[in-house]
Amino acid sequence: MADVELSVVLPCLNEAETLETVIRKALASFRELGVAGEVVVADNGSSDGSQDIARAAGVRVVDVPVQGYGAALRAGIESA
């Protein structure tokens, strides 16, 4: 997306239970506010299908091999 005004970075490790809801709410907020936004899921090696859920929701997934919340945030921000 060339004209992104706002990126929401979601660090993720086995968040299948709530990930779709969070993505849906972020995308709805972009629409409601008229903001050209993107959601980037920075995945830290989930084994519960979180990556597939994010891709099915139409958002970008960044695979982050270095474990840890900070590493996931950093990689997601760099990707955004």
PDB file of N, CA and C in Angstrom:
ATOM      1  N   MET A   1       0.854  -1.181   0.000  1.00  0.00           N
ATOM      2  CA  MET A   1       0.000   0.000   0.000  1.00  0.00           C
ATOM      3  C   MET A   1       0.894   1.237   0.000  1.00  0.00           C
ATOM      4  N   ALA A   2       0.872   1.988  -1.066  1.00  0.00           N
ATOM      5  CA  ALA A   2       1.782   3.119  -1.216  1.00  0.00           C
ATOM      6  C   ALA A   2       1.373   4.325  -0.377  1.00  0.00           C
ATOM      7  N   ASP A   3       0.087   4.522  -0.157  1.00  0.00           N
ATOM      8  CA  ASP A   3      -0.389   5.723   0.525  1.00  0.00           C
ATOM      9  C   ASP A   3      -0.877   5.453   1.941  1.00  0.00           C
ATOM     10  N   VAL A   4      -0.150   4.648   2.667  1.00  0.00           N
ATOM     11  CA  VAL A   4      -0.542   4.318   4.039  1.00  0.00           C
ATOM     12  C   VAL A   4      -0.291   5.516   4.943  1.00  0.00           C
ATOM     13  N   GLU A   5      -1.336   5.912   5.669  1.00  0.00           N
ATOM     14  CA  GLU A   5      -1.215   7.008   6.631  1.00  0.00           C
ATOM     15  C   GLU A   5      -0.912   6.490   8.033  1.00  0.00           C
ATOM     16  N   LEU A   6      -1.370   5.274   8.312  1.00  0.00           N
ATOM     17  CA  LEU A   6      -1.238   4.726   9.655  1.00  0.00           C
ATOM     18  C   LEU A   6      -1.058   3.217   9.588  1.00  0.00           C
ATOM     19  N   SER A   7      -0.071   2.721  10.311  1.00  0.00           N
ATOM     20  CA  SER A   7       0.143   1.277  10.417  1.00  0.00           C
ATOM     21  C   SER A   7      -0.120   0.849  11.851  1.00  0.00           C
ATOM     22  N   VAL A   8      -0.890  -0.219  12.000  1.00  0.00           N
ATOM     23  CA  VAL A   8      -1.101  -0.833  13.300  1.00  0.00           C
ATOM     24  C   VAL A   8      -0.293  -2.123  13.304  1.00  0.00           C
ATOM     25  N   VAL A   9       0.669  -2.197  14.207  1.00  0.00           N
ATOM     26  CA  VAL A   9       1.534  -3.368  14.309  1.00  0.00           C
ATOM     27  C   VAL A   9       1.057  -4.220  15.481  1.00  0.00           C
ATOM     28  N   LEU A  10       0.760  -5.486  15.174  1.00  0.00           N
ATOM     29  CA  LEU A  10       0.306  -6.416  16.199  1.00  0.00           C
ATOM     30  C   LEU A  10       1.347  -7.501  16.396  1.00  0.00           C
ATOM     31  N   PRO A  11       2.117  -7.438  17.492  1.00  0.00           N
ATOM     32  CA  PRO A  11       3.016  -8.549  17.786  1.00  0.00           C
ATOM     33  C   PRO A  11       2.160  -9.767  18.127  1.00  0.00           C
ATOM     34  N   CYS A  12       2.584 -10.930  17.673  1.00  0.00           N
ATOM     35  CA  CYS A  12       1.709 -12.090  17.784  1.00  0.00           C
ATOM     36  C   CYS A  12       2.491 -13.351  18.117  1.00  0.00           C
ATOM     37  N   LEU A  13       2.000 -14.081  19.105  1.00  0.00           N
ATOM     38  CA  LEU A  13       2.480 -15.424  19.409  1.00  0.00           C
ATOM     39  C   LEU A  13       1.288 -16.222  19.935  1.00  0.00           C
ATOM     40  N   ASN A  14       0.761 -17.069  19.070  1.00  0.00           N
ATOM     41  CA  ASN A  14      -0.383 -17.919  19.420  1.00  0.00           C
ATOM     42  C   ASN A  14      -1.580 -17.109  19.924  1.00  0.00           C
ATOM     43  N   GLU A  15      -2.072 -16.248  19.066  1.00  0.00           N
ATOM     44  CA  GLU A  15      -3.198 -15.368  19.398  1.00  0.00           C
ATOM     45  C   GLU A  15      -4.451 -15.714  18.600  1.00  0.00           C
ATOM     46  N   ALA A  16      -4.590 -16.973  18.170  1.00  0.00           N
ATOM     47  CA  ALA A  16      -5.709 -17.369  17.320  1.00  0.00           C
ATOM     48  C   ALA A  16      -7.064 -17.033  17.927  1.00  0.00           C
ATOM     49  N   GLU A  17      -7.169 -17.091  19.224  1.00  0.00           N
ATOM     50  CA  GLU A  17      -8.455 -16.875  19.886  1.00  0.00           C
ATOM     51  C   GLU A  17      -8.985 -15.453  19.702  1.00  0.00           C
ATOM     52  N   THR A  18      -8.096 -14.458  19.644  1.00  0.00           N
ATOM     53  CA  THR A  18      -8.545 -13.062  19.596  1.00  0.00           C
ATOM     54  C   THR A  18      -8.086 -12.282  18.376  1.00  0.00           C
ATOM     55  N   LEU A  19      -7.184 -12.838  17.593  1.00  0.00           N
ATOM     56  CA  LEU A  19      -6.544 -12.082  16.514  1.00  0.00           C
ATOM     57  C   LEU A  19      -7.535 -11.553  15.484  1.00  0.00           C
ATOM     58  N   GLU A  20      -8.447 -12.381  15.037  1.00  0.00           N
ATOM     59  CA  GLU A  20      -9.396 -11.941  14.012  1.00  0.00           C
ATOM     60  C   GLU A  20     -10.238 -10.759  14.490  1.00  0.00           C
ATOM     61  N   THR A  21     -10.656 -10.794  15.737  1.00  0.00           N
ATOM     62  CA  THR A  21     -11.451  -9.698  16.295  1.00  0.00           C
ATOM     63  C   THR A  21     -10.663  -8.401  16.312  1.00  0.00           C
ATOM     64  N   VAL A  22      -9.410  -8.465  16.733  1.00  0.00           N
ATOM     65  CA  VAL A  22      -8.573  -7.267  16.805  1.00  0.00           C
ATOM     66  C   VAL A  22      -8.342  -6.701  15.404  1.00  0.00           C
ATOM     67  N   ILE A  23      -8.058  -7.568  14.455  1.00  0.00           N
ATOM     68  CA  ILE A  23      -7.849  -7.121  13.076  1.00  0.00           C
ATOM     69  C   ILE A  23      -9.112  -6.467  12.538  1.00  0.00           C
ATOM     70  N   ARG A  24     -10.249  -7.121  12.734  1.00  0.00           N
ATOM     71  CA  ARG A  24     -11.518  -6.591  12.247  1.00  0.00           C
ATOM     72  C   ARG A  24     -11.799  -5.202  12.831  1.00  0.00           C
ATOM     73  N   LYS A  25     -11.531  -5.031  14.123  1.00  0.00           N
ATOM     74  CA  LYS A  25     -11.769  -3.736  14.765  1.00  0.00           C
ATOM     75  C   LYS A  25     -10.833  -2.658  14.218  1.00  0.00           C
ATOM     76  N   ALA A  26      -9.577  -3.013  13.991  1.00  0.00           N
ATOM     77  CA  ALA A  26      -8.626  -2.036  13.444  1.00  0.00           C
ATOM     78  C   ALA A  26      -9.050  -1.607  12.044  1.00  0.00           C
ATOM     79  N   LEU A  27      -9.409  -2.573  11.199  1.00  0.00           N
ATOM     80  CA  LEU A  27      -9.826  -2.241   9.833  1.00  0.00           C
ATOM     81  C   LEU A  27     -11.111  -1.411   9.829  1.00  0.00           C
ATOM     82  N   ALA A  28     -12.039  -1.723  10.729  1.00  0.00           N
ATOM     83  CA  ALA A  28     -13.279  -0.947  10.828  1.00  0.00           C
ATOM     84  C   ALA A  28     -12.983   0.484  11.261  1.00  0.00           C
ATOM     85  N   SER A  29     -12.036   0.645  12.173  1.00  0.00           N
ATOM     86  CA  SER A  29     -11.662   1.989  12.625  1.00  0.00           C
ATOM     87  C   SER A  29     -11.068   2.805  11.486  1.00  0.00           C
ATOM     88  N   PHE A  30     -10.236   2.182  10.669  1.00  0.00           N
ATOM     89  CA  PHE A  30      -9.689   2.887   9.504  1.00  0.00           C
ATOM     90  C   PHE A  30     -10.827   3.402   8.623  1.00  0.00           C
ATOM     91  N   ARG A  31     -11.785   2.521   8.336  1.00  0.00           N
ATOM     92  CA  ARG A  31     -12.911   2.909   7.476  1.00  0.00           C
ATOM     93  C   ARG A  31     -13.717   4.037   8.116  1.00  0.00           C
ATOM     94  N   GLU A  32     -14.047   3.893   9.390  1.00  0.00           N
ATOM     95  CA  GLU A  32     -14.857   4.902  10.076  1.00  0.00           C
ATOM     96  C   GLU A  32     -14.171   6.262  10.111  1.00  0.00           C
ATOM     97  N   LEU A  33     -12.858   6.255  10.272  1.00  0.00           N
ATOM     98  CA  LEU A  33     -12.107   7.501  10.379  1.00  0.00           C
ATOM     99  C   LEU A  33     -11.635   8.035   9.034  1.00  0.00           C
ATOM    100  N   GLY A  34     -11.822   7.248   7.984  1.00  0.00           N
ATOM    101  CA  GLY A  34     -11.364   7.676   6.666  1.00  0.00           C
ATOM    102  C   GLY A  34      -9.852   7.717   6.566  1.00  0.00           C
ATOM    103  N   VAL A  35      -9.199   6.785   7.251  1.00  0.00           N
ATOM    104  CA  VAL A  35      -7.737   6.727   7.281  1.00  0.00           C
ATOM    105  C   VAL A  35      -7.263   5.598   6.377  1.00  0.00           C
ATOM    106  N   ALA A  36      -6.265   5.890   5.567  1.00  0.00           N
ATOM    107  CA  ALA A  36      -5.640   4.839   4.751  1.00  0.00           C
ATOM    108  C   ALA A  36      -4.670   4.099   5.656  1.00  0.00           C
ATOM    109  N   GLY A  37      -5.103   2.958   6.156  1.00  0.00           N
ATOM    110  CA  GLY A  37      -4.288   2.248   7.126  1.00  0.00           C
ATOM    111  C   GLY A  37      -3.994   0.830   6.736  1.00  0.00           C
ATOM    112  N   GLU A  38      -3.053   0.241   7.450  1.00  0.00           N
ATOM    113  CA  GLU A  38      -2.697  -1.156   7.255  1.00  0.00           C
ATOM    114  C   GLU A  38      -2.510  -1.800   8.617  1.00  0.00           C
ATOM    115  N   VAL A  39      -2.736  -3.102   8.650  1.00  0.00           N
ATOM    116  CA  VAL A  39      -2.445  -3.888   9.841  1.00  0.00           C
ATOM    117  C   VAL A  39      -1.299  -4.821   9.485  1.00  0.00           C
ATOM    118  N   VAL A  40      -0.267  -4.814  10.321  1.00  0.00           N
ATOM    119  CA  VAL A  40       0.883  -5.693  10.140  1.00  0.00           C
ATOM    120  C   VAL A  40       0.950  -6.609  11.354  1.00  0.00           C
ATOM    121  N   VAL A  41       0.840  -7.904  11.112  1.00  0.00           N
ATOM    122  CA  VAL A  41       0.958  -8.887  12.185  1.00  0.00           C
ATOM    123  C   VAL A  41       2.394  -9.396  12.177  1.00  0.00           C
ATOM    124  N   ALA A  42       3.119  -9.111  13.249  1.00  0.00           N
ATOM    125  CA  ALA A  42       4.512  -9.550  13.392  1.00  0.00           C
ATOM    126  C   ALA A  42       4.492 -10.834  14.206  1.00  0.00           C
ATOM    127  N   ASP A  43       4.584 -11.953  13.493  1.00  0.00           N
ATOM    128  CA  ASP A  43       4.397 -13.249  14.132  1.00  0.00           C
ATOM    129  C   ASP A  43       5.707 -13.854  14.612  1.00  0.00           C
ATOM    130  N   ASN A  44       5.702 -14.290  15.846  1.00  0.00           N
ATOM    131  CA  ASN A  44       6.887 -14.813  16.525  1.00  0.00           C
ATOM    132  C   ASN A  44       6.926 -16.338  16.547  1.00  0.00           C
ATOM    133  N   GLY A  45       6.378 -16.961  15.505  1.00  0.00           N
ATOM    134  CA  GLY A  45       6.432 -18.422  15.424  1.00  0.00           C
ATOM    135  C   GLY A  45       5.214 -19.120  15.987  1.00  0.00           C
ATOM    136  N   SER A  46       4.053 -18.531  15.801  1.00  0.00           N
ATOM    137  CA  SER A  46       2.818 -19.130  16.309  1.00  0.00           C
ATOM    138  C   SER A  46       2.629 -20.542  15.761  1.00  0.00           C
ATOM    139  N   SER A  47       2.071 -21.394  16.606  1.00  0.00           N
ATOM    140  CA  SER A  47       1.788 -22.777  16.203  1.00  0.00           C
ATOM    141  C   SER A  47       0.295 -23.076  16.227  1.00  0.00           C
ATOM    142  N   ASP A  48      -0.528 -22.030  16.366  1.00  0.00           N
ATOM    143  CA  ASP A  48      -1.976 -22.217  16.489  1.00  0.00           C
ATOM    144  C   ASP A  48      -2.760 -21.721  15.278  1.00  0.00           C
ATOM    145  N   GLY A  49      -2.069 -21.416  14.192  1.00  0.00           N
ATOM    146  CA  GLY A  49      -2.751 -20.957  12.992  1.00  0.00           C
ATOM    147  C   GLY A  49      -2.973 -19.459  12.929  1.00  0.00           C
ATOM    148  N   SER A  50      -2.357 -18.709  13.819  1.00  0.00           N
ATOM    149  CA  SER A  50      -2.526 -17.251  13.825  1.00  0.00           C
ATOM    150  C   SER A  50      -2.154 -16.634  12.476  1.00  0.00           C
ATOM    151  N   GLN A  51      -1.084 -17.107  11.862  1.00  0.00           N
ATOM    152  CA  GLN A  51      -0.651 -16.559  10.571  1.00  0.00           C
ATOM    153  C   GLN A  51      -1.741 -16.726   9.520  1.00  0.00           C
ATOM    154  N   ASP A  52      -2.358 -17.888   9.469  1.00  0.00           N
ATOM    155  CA  ASP A  52      -3.421 -18.150   8.497  1.00  0.00           C
ATOM    156  C   ASP A  52      -4.632 -17.267   8.746  1.00  0.00           C
ATOM    157  N   ILE A  53      -4.956 -17.049   9.996  1.00  0.00           N
ATOM    158  CA  ILE A  53      -6.083 -16.177  10.352  1.00  0.00           C
ATOM    159  C   ILE A  53      -5.811 -14.761   9.860  1.00  0.00           C
ATOM    160  N   ALA A  54      -4.612 -14.272  10.089  1.00  0.00           N
ATOM    161  CA  ALA A  54      -4.252 -12.915   9.662  1.00  0.00           C
ATOM    162  C   ALA A  54      -4.294 -12.792   8.146  1.00  0.00           C
ATOM    163  N   ARG A  55      -3.722 -13.756   7.458  1.00  0.00           N
ATOM    164  CA  ARG A  55      -3.720 -13.706   5.988  1.00  0.00           C
ATOM    165  C   ARG A  55      -5.144 -13.782   5.442  1.00  0.00           C
ATOM    166  N   ALA A  56      -5.977 -14.619   6.033  1.00  0.00           N
ATOM    167  CA  ALA A  56      -7.370 -14.743   5.591  1.00  0.00           C
ATOM    168  C   ALA A  56      -8.130 -13.431   5.800  1.00  0.00           C
ATOM    169  N   ALA A  57      -7.721 -12.658   6.801  1.00  0.00           N
ATOM    170  CA  ALA A  57      -8.345 -11.359   7.065  1.00  0.00           C
ATOM    171  C   ALA A  57      -7.814 -10.283   6.124  1.00  0.00           C
ATOM    172  N   GLY A  58      -6.818 -10.639   5.313  1.00  0.00           N
ATOM    173  CA  GLY A  58      -6.302  -9.707   4.316  1.00  0.00           C
ATOM    174  C   GLY A  58      -5.226  -8.774   4.798  1.00  0.00           C
ATOM    175  N   VAL A  59      -4.569  -9.127   5.903  1.00  0.00           N
ATOM    176  CA  VAL A  59      -3.500  -8.248   6.395  1.00  0.00           C
ATOM    177  C   VAL A  59      -2.139  -8.892   6.167  1.00  0.00           C
ATOM    178  N   ARG A  60      -1.138  -8.076   6.278  1.00  0.00           N
ATOM    179  CA  ARG A  60       0.234  -8.531   6.040  1.00  0.00           C
ATOM    180  C   ARG A  60       0.778  -9.227   7.275  1.00  0.00           C
ATOM    181  N   VAL A  61       1.489 -10.326   7.034  1.00  0.00           N
ATOM    182  CA  VAL A  61       2.130 -11.075   8.115  1.00  0.00           C
ATOM    183  C   VAL A  61       3.632 -11.022   7.904  1.00  0.00           C
ATOM    184  N   VAL A  62       4.346 -10.641   8.945  1.00  0.00           N
ATOM    185  CA  VAL A  62       5.802 -10.624   8.931  1.00  0.00           C
ATOM    186  C   VAL A  62       6.263 -11.735   9.867  1.00  0.00           C
ATOM    187  N   ASP A  63       7.011 -12.679   9.333  1.00  0.00           N
ATOM    188  CA  ASP A  63       7.549 -13.755  10.162  1.00  0.00           C
ATOM    189  C   ASP A  63       8.789 -13.246  10.885  1.00  0.00           C
ATOM    190  N   VAL A  64       8.791 -13.359  12.216  1.00  0.00           N
ATOM    191  CA  VAL A  64       9.887 -12.855  13.041  1.00  0.00           C
ATOM    192  C   VAL A  64      10.549 -14.045  13.732  1.00  0.00           C
ATOM    193  N   PRO A  65      11.728 -14.452  13.264  1.00  0.00           N
ATOM    194  CA  PRO A  65      12.380 -15.630  13.835  1.00  0.00           C
ATOM    195  C   PRO A  65      12.979 -15.400  15.220  1.00  0.00           C
ATOM    196  N   VAL A  66      13.315 -14.163  15.549  1.00  0.00           N
ATOM    197  CA  VAL A  66      13.891 -13.853  16.853  1.00  0.00           C
ATOM    198  C   VAL A  66      12.752 -13.773  17.859  1.00  0.00           C
ATOM    199  N   GLN A  67      12.815 -14.584  18.908  1.00  0.00           N
ATOM    200  CA  GLN A  67      11.748 -14.630  19.905  1.00  0.00           C
ATOM    201  C   GLN A  67      11.730 -13.378  20.778  1.00  0.00           C
ATOM    202  N   GLY A  68      10.542 -13.023  21.229  1.00  0.00           N
ATOM    203  CA  GLY A  68      10.383 -11.932  22.184  1.00  0.00           C
ATOM    204  C   GLY A  68       9.484 -10.830  21.670  1.00  0.00           C
ATOM    205  N   TYR A  69       8.786 -10.231  22.607  1.00  0.00           N
ATOM    206  CA  TYR A  69       7.848  -9.149  22.307  1.00  0.00           C
ATOM    207  C   TYR A  69       8.553  -7.980  21.620  1.00  0.00           C
ATOM    208  N   GLY A  70       9.703  -7.579  22.155  1.00  0.00           N
ATOM    209  CA  GLY A  70      10.450  -6.461  21.584  1.00  0.00           C
ATOM    210  C   GLY A  70      10.904  -6.749  20.165  1.00  0.00           C
ATOM    211  N   ALA A  71      11.367  -7.967  19.923  1.00  0.00           N
ATOM    212  CA  ALA A  71      11.817  -8.346  18.576  1.00  0.00           C
ATOM    213  C   ALA A  71      10.653  -8.310  17.595  1.00  0.00           C
ATOM    214  N   ALA A  72       9.494  -8.777  18.027  1.00  0.00           N
ATOM    215  CA  ALA A  72       8.316  -8.754  17.162  1.00  0.00           C
ATOM    216  C   ALA A  72       7.897  -7.318  16.864  1.00  0.00           C
ATOM    217  N   LEU A  73       7.876  -6.476  17.877  1.00  0.00           N
ATOM    218  CA  LEU A  73       7.548  -5.067  17.654  1.00  0.00           C
ATOM    219  C   LEU A  73       8.518  -4.409  16.692  1.00  0.00           C
ATOM    220  N   ARG A  74       9.803  -4.612  16.929  1.00  0.00           N
ATOM    221  CA  ARG A  74      10.826  -4.007  16.078  1.00  0.00           C
ATOM    222  C   ARG A  74      10.655  -4.434  14.627  1.00  0.00           C
ATOM    223  N   ALA A  75      10.487  -5.724  14.392  1.00  0.00           N
ATOM    224  CA  ALA A  75      10.354  -6.229  13.033  1.00  0.00           C
ATOM    225  C   ALA A  75       9.083  -5.704  12.370  1.00  0.00           C
ATOM    226  N   GLY A  76       7.995  -5.642  13.131  1.00  0.00           N
ATOM    227  CA  GLY A  76       6.751  -5.121  12.578  1.00  0.00           C
ATOM    228  C   GLY A  76       6.859  -3.654  12.221  1.00  0.00           C
ATOM    229  N   ILE A  77       7.492  -2.888  13.079  1.00  0.00           N
ATOM    230  CA  ILE A  77       7.668  -1.454  12.816  1.00  0.00           C
ATOM    231  C   ILE A  77       8.577  -1.240  11.622  1.00  0.00           C
ATOM    232  N   GLU A  78       9.650  -1.984  11.540  1.00  0.00           N
ATOM    233  CA  GLU A  78      10.564  -1.869  10.386  1.00  0.00           C
ATOM    234  C   GLU A  78       9.839  -2.219   9.101  1.00  0.00           C
ATOM    235  N   SER A  79       8.997  -3.224   9.147  1.00  0.00           N
ATOM    236  CA  SER A  79       8.257  -3.635   7.958  1.00  0.00           C
ATOM    237  C   SER A  79       7.222  -2.588   7.547  1.00  0.00           C
ATOM    238  N   ALA A  80       6.615  -1.942   8.538  1.00  0.00           N
ATOM    239  CA  ALA A  80       5.603  -0.921   8.246  1.00  0.00           C
ATOM    240  C   ALA A  80       6.265   0.277   7.594  1.00  0.00           C
TER     241      ALA A  80
END
